[in-house]
């Protein structure tokens, strides 16, 4: 599940499909609903993070068009914040 852009684009589909994993993309109407829910819930619950630490050092990919940073919450949990400029990206997800 993801935003409409994520559901339409190939950057997540290709790595799975290359491993023989089928991808089921929701119908257009379902994509609209999911996209709306994600953004309306984001606004309701995630308009602001309080008392978090954002690690300044970023992981930078595709000449700076894709970046990610670690966000550490008060309970010690860690999340990744990814920012992608519009474009086509292919991530190498091979096992290391």
C-alpha atoms as a PDB file:
ATOM      1  CA  UNK A   1       0.000   0.000   0.000  1.00  0.00           C
ATOM      2  CA  UNK A   2       1.231   3.483  -0.744  1.00  0.00           C
ATOM      3  CA  UNK A   3       0.391   6.794  -2.311  1.00  0.00           C
ATOM      4  CA  UNK A   4      -1.096   6.908  -5.795  1.00  0.00           C
ATOM      5  CA  UNK A   5       2.344   7.644  -7.265  1.00  0.00           C
ATOM      6  CA  UNK A   6       3.792   4.607  -5.494  1.00  0.00           C
ATOM      7  CA  UNK A   7       0.975   2.365  -6.715  1.00  0.00           C
ATOM      8  CA  UNK A   8       1.351   3.561 -10.322  1.00  0.00           C
ATOM      9  CA  UNK A   9       5.146   3.632 -10.615  1.00  0.00           C
ATOM     10  CA  UNK A  10       7.401   0.665 -11.287  1.00  0.00           C
ATOM     11  CA  UNK A  11      10.204   1.401  -8.818  1.00  0.00           C
ATOM     12  CA  UNK A  12       8.703  -0.915  -6.168  1.00  0.00           C
ATOM     13  CA  UNK A  13       7.186  -3.443  -8.556  1.00  0.00           C
ATOM     14  CA  UNK A  14      10.318  -4.308 -10.545  1.00  0.00           C
ATOM     15  CA  UNK A  15      12.418  -5.783  -7.713  1.00  0.00           C
ATOM     16  CA  UNK A  16       9.561  -8.033  -6.594  1.00  0.00           C
ATOM     17  CA  UNK A  17       8.648  -9.085 -10.114  1.00  0.00           C
ATOM     18  CA  UNK A  18      12.298  -9.900 -10.885  1.00  0.00           C
ATOM     19  CA  UNK A  19      12.110 -12.440  -8.025  1.00  0.00           C
ATOM     20  CA  UNK A  20       8.886 -13.952  -9.365  1.00  0.00           C
ATOM     21  CA  UNK A  21       6.637 -12.230  -6.833  1.00  0.00           C
ATOM     22  CA  UNK A  22       3.317 -11.076  -8.264  1.00  0.00           C
ATOM     23  CA  UNK A  23       2.176  -7.541  -7.539  1.00  0.00           C
ATOM     24  CA  UNK A  24      -1.504  -6.691  -7.250  1.00  0.00           C
ATOM     25  CA  UNK A  25      -2.228  -3.038  -7.944  1.00  0.00           C
ATOM     26  CA  UNK A  26      -5.572  -1.734  -6.672  1.00  0.00           C
ATOM     27  CA  UNK A  27      -8.169  -0.554  -9.161  1.00  0.00           C
ATOM     28  CA  UNK A  28      -8.177   3.180  -9.977  1.00  0.00           C
ATOM     29  CA  UNK A  29     -11.102   3.861  -7.624  1.00  0.00           C
ATOM     30  CA  UNK A  30      -9.356   1.962  -4.821  1.00  0.00           C
ATOM     31  CA  UNK A  31      -6.110   3.851  -5.465  1.00  0.00           C
ATOM     32  CA  UNK A  32      -7.948   7.153  -5.081  1.00  0.00           C
ATOM     33  CA  UNK A  33      -9.486   6.001  -1.786  1.00  0.00           C
ATOM     34  CA  UNK A  34      -6.179   4.709  -0.391  1.00  0.00           C
ATOM     35  CA  UNK A  35      -4.335   7.885  -1.433  1.00  0.00           C
ATOM     36  CA  UNK A  36      -7.015  10.070   0.161  1.00  0.00           C
ATOM     37  CA  UNK A  37      -6.983   8.040   3.384  1.00  0.00           C
ATOM     38  CA  UNK A  38      -3.201   8.149   3.646  1.00  0.00           C
ATOM     39  CA  UNK A  39      -3.084  11.917   3.302  1.00  0.00           C
ATOM     40  CA  UNK A  40      -6.143  12.674   5.427  1.00  0.00           C
ATOM     41  CA  UNK A  41      -4.837  10.416   8.219  1.00  0.00           C
ATOM     42  CA  UNK A  42      -1.370  11.937   7.863  1.00  0.00           C
ATOM     43  CA  UNK A  43      -2.836  15.394   8.382  1.00  0.00           C
ATOM     44  CA  UNK A  44      -4.894  14.233  11.322  1.00  0.00           C
ATOM     45  CA  UNK A  45      -2.194  12.268  13.147  1.00  0.00           C
ATOM     46  CA  UNK A  46       1.131  13.320  11.680  1.00  0.00           C
ATOM     47  CA  UNK A  47       0.987  17.039  11.049  1.00  0.00           C
ATOM     48  CA  UNK A  48       3.700  17.478  13.648  1.00  0.00           C
ATOM     49  CA  UNK A  49       6.176  15.269  15.471  1.00  0.00           C
ATOM     50  CA  UNK A  50       7.021  16.458  18.972  1.00  0.00           C
ATOM     51  CA  UNK A  51      10.241  15.751  20.844  1.00  0.00           C
ATOM     52  CA  UNK A  52      11.917  13.828  18.030  1.00  0.00           C
ATOM     53  CA  UNK A  53      15.503  13.807  16.885  1.00  0.00           C
ATOM     54  CA  UNK A  54      16.268  13.878  13.179  1.00  0.00           C
ATOM     55  CA  UNK A  55      19.723  12.643  12.310  1.00  0.00           C
ATOM     56  CA  UNK A  56      21.298  15.318  10.131  1.00  0.00           C
ATOM     57  CA  UNK A  57      23.400  12.887   8.085  1.00  0.00           C
ATOM     58  CA  UNK A  58      21.345  11.705   5.121  1.00  0.00           C
ATOM     59  CA  UNK A  59      21.557   8.675   2.883  1.00  0.00           C
ATOM     60  CA  UNK A  60      21.720  10.178  -0.590  1.00  0.00           C
ATOM     61  CA  UNK A  61      20.829   8.360  -3.800  1.00  0.00           C
ATOM     62  CA  UNK A  62      20.404   9.249  -7.464  1.00  0.00           C
ATOM     63  CA  UNK A  63      22.494  12.421  -7.329  1.00  0.00           C
ATOM     64  CA  UNK A  64      20.499  13.809  -4.411  1.00  0.00           C
ATOM     65  CA  UNK A  65      17.070  13.225  -5.941  1.00  0.00           C
ATOM     66  CA  UNK A  66      16.295  10.572  -3.311  1.00  0.00           C
ATOM     67  CA  UNK A  67      17.297  11.009   0.332  1.00  0.00           C
ATOM     68  CA  UNK A  68      16.481   9.390   3.636  1.00  0.00           C
ATOM     69  CA  UNK A  69      17.068  10.385   7.234  1.00  0.00           C
ATOM     70  CA  UNK A  70      16.570   8.635  10.546  1.00  0.00           C
ATOM     71  CA  UNK A  71      13.952  10.000  12.929  1.00  0.00           C
ATOM     72  CA  UNK A  72      14.204   8.930  16.578  1.00  0.00           C
ATOM     73  CA  UNK A  73      11.046   9.177  18.679  1.00  0.00           C
ATOM     74  CA  UNK A  74      10.866   9.814  22.453  1.00  0.00           C
ATOM     75  CA  UNK A  75      10.299   6.097  23.142  1.00  0.00           C
ATOM     76  CA  UNK A  76      13.558   5.272  21.331  1.00  0.00           C
ATOM     77  CA  UNK A  77      11.876   3.847  18.244  1.00  0.00           C
ATOM     78  CA  UNK A  78      13.503   4.728  14.953  1.00  0.00           C
ATOM     79  CA  UNK A  79      11.790   5.446  11.639  1.00  0.00           C
ATOM     80  CA  UNK A  80      13.122   6.417   8.245  1.00  0.00           C
ATOM     81  CA  UNK A  81      11.902   9.526   6.474  1.00  0.00           C
ATOM     82  CA  UNK A  82      12.373   9.220   2.727  1.00  0.00           C
ATOM     83  CA  UNK A  83      12.075  12.083   0.267  1.00  0.00           C
ATOM     84  CA  UNK A  84      11.896  11.434  -3.464  1.00  0.00           C
ATOM     85  CA  UNK A  85      11.759  14.036  -6.193  1.00  0.00           C
ATOM     86  CA  UNK A  86       9.555  13.070  -9.150  1.00  0.00           C
ATOM     87  CA  UNK A  87      11.343  10.663 -11.468  1.00  0.00           C
ATOM     88  CA  UNK A  88      11.990   7.033 -12.340  1.00  0.00           C
ATOM     89  CA  UNK A  89      14.235   5.152  -9.905  1.00  0.00           C
ATOM     90  CA  UNK A  90      15.348   1.546  -9.738  1.00  0.00           C
ATOM     91  CA  UNK A  91      16.628   0.344  -6.396  1.00  0.00           C
ATOM     92  CA  UNK A  92      18.928  -2.649  -6.168  1.00  0.00           C
ATOM     93  CA  UNK A  93      17.260  -4.832  -3.568  1.00  0.00           C
ATOM     94  CA  UNK A  94      19.384  -7.945  -4.015  1.00  0.00           C
ATOM     95  CA  UNK A  95      20.251  -9.836  -0.856  1.00  0.00           C
ATOM     96  CA  UNK A  96      23.579  -8.778   0.598  1.00  0.00           C
END
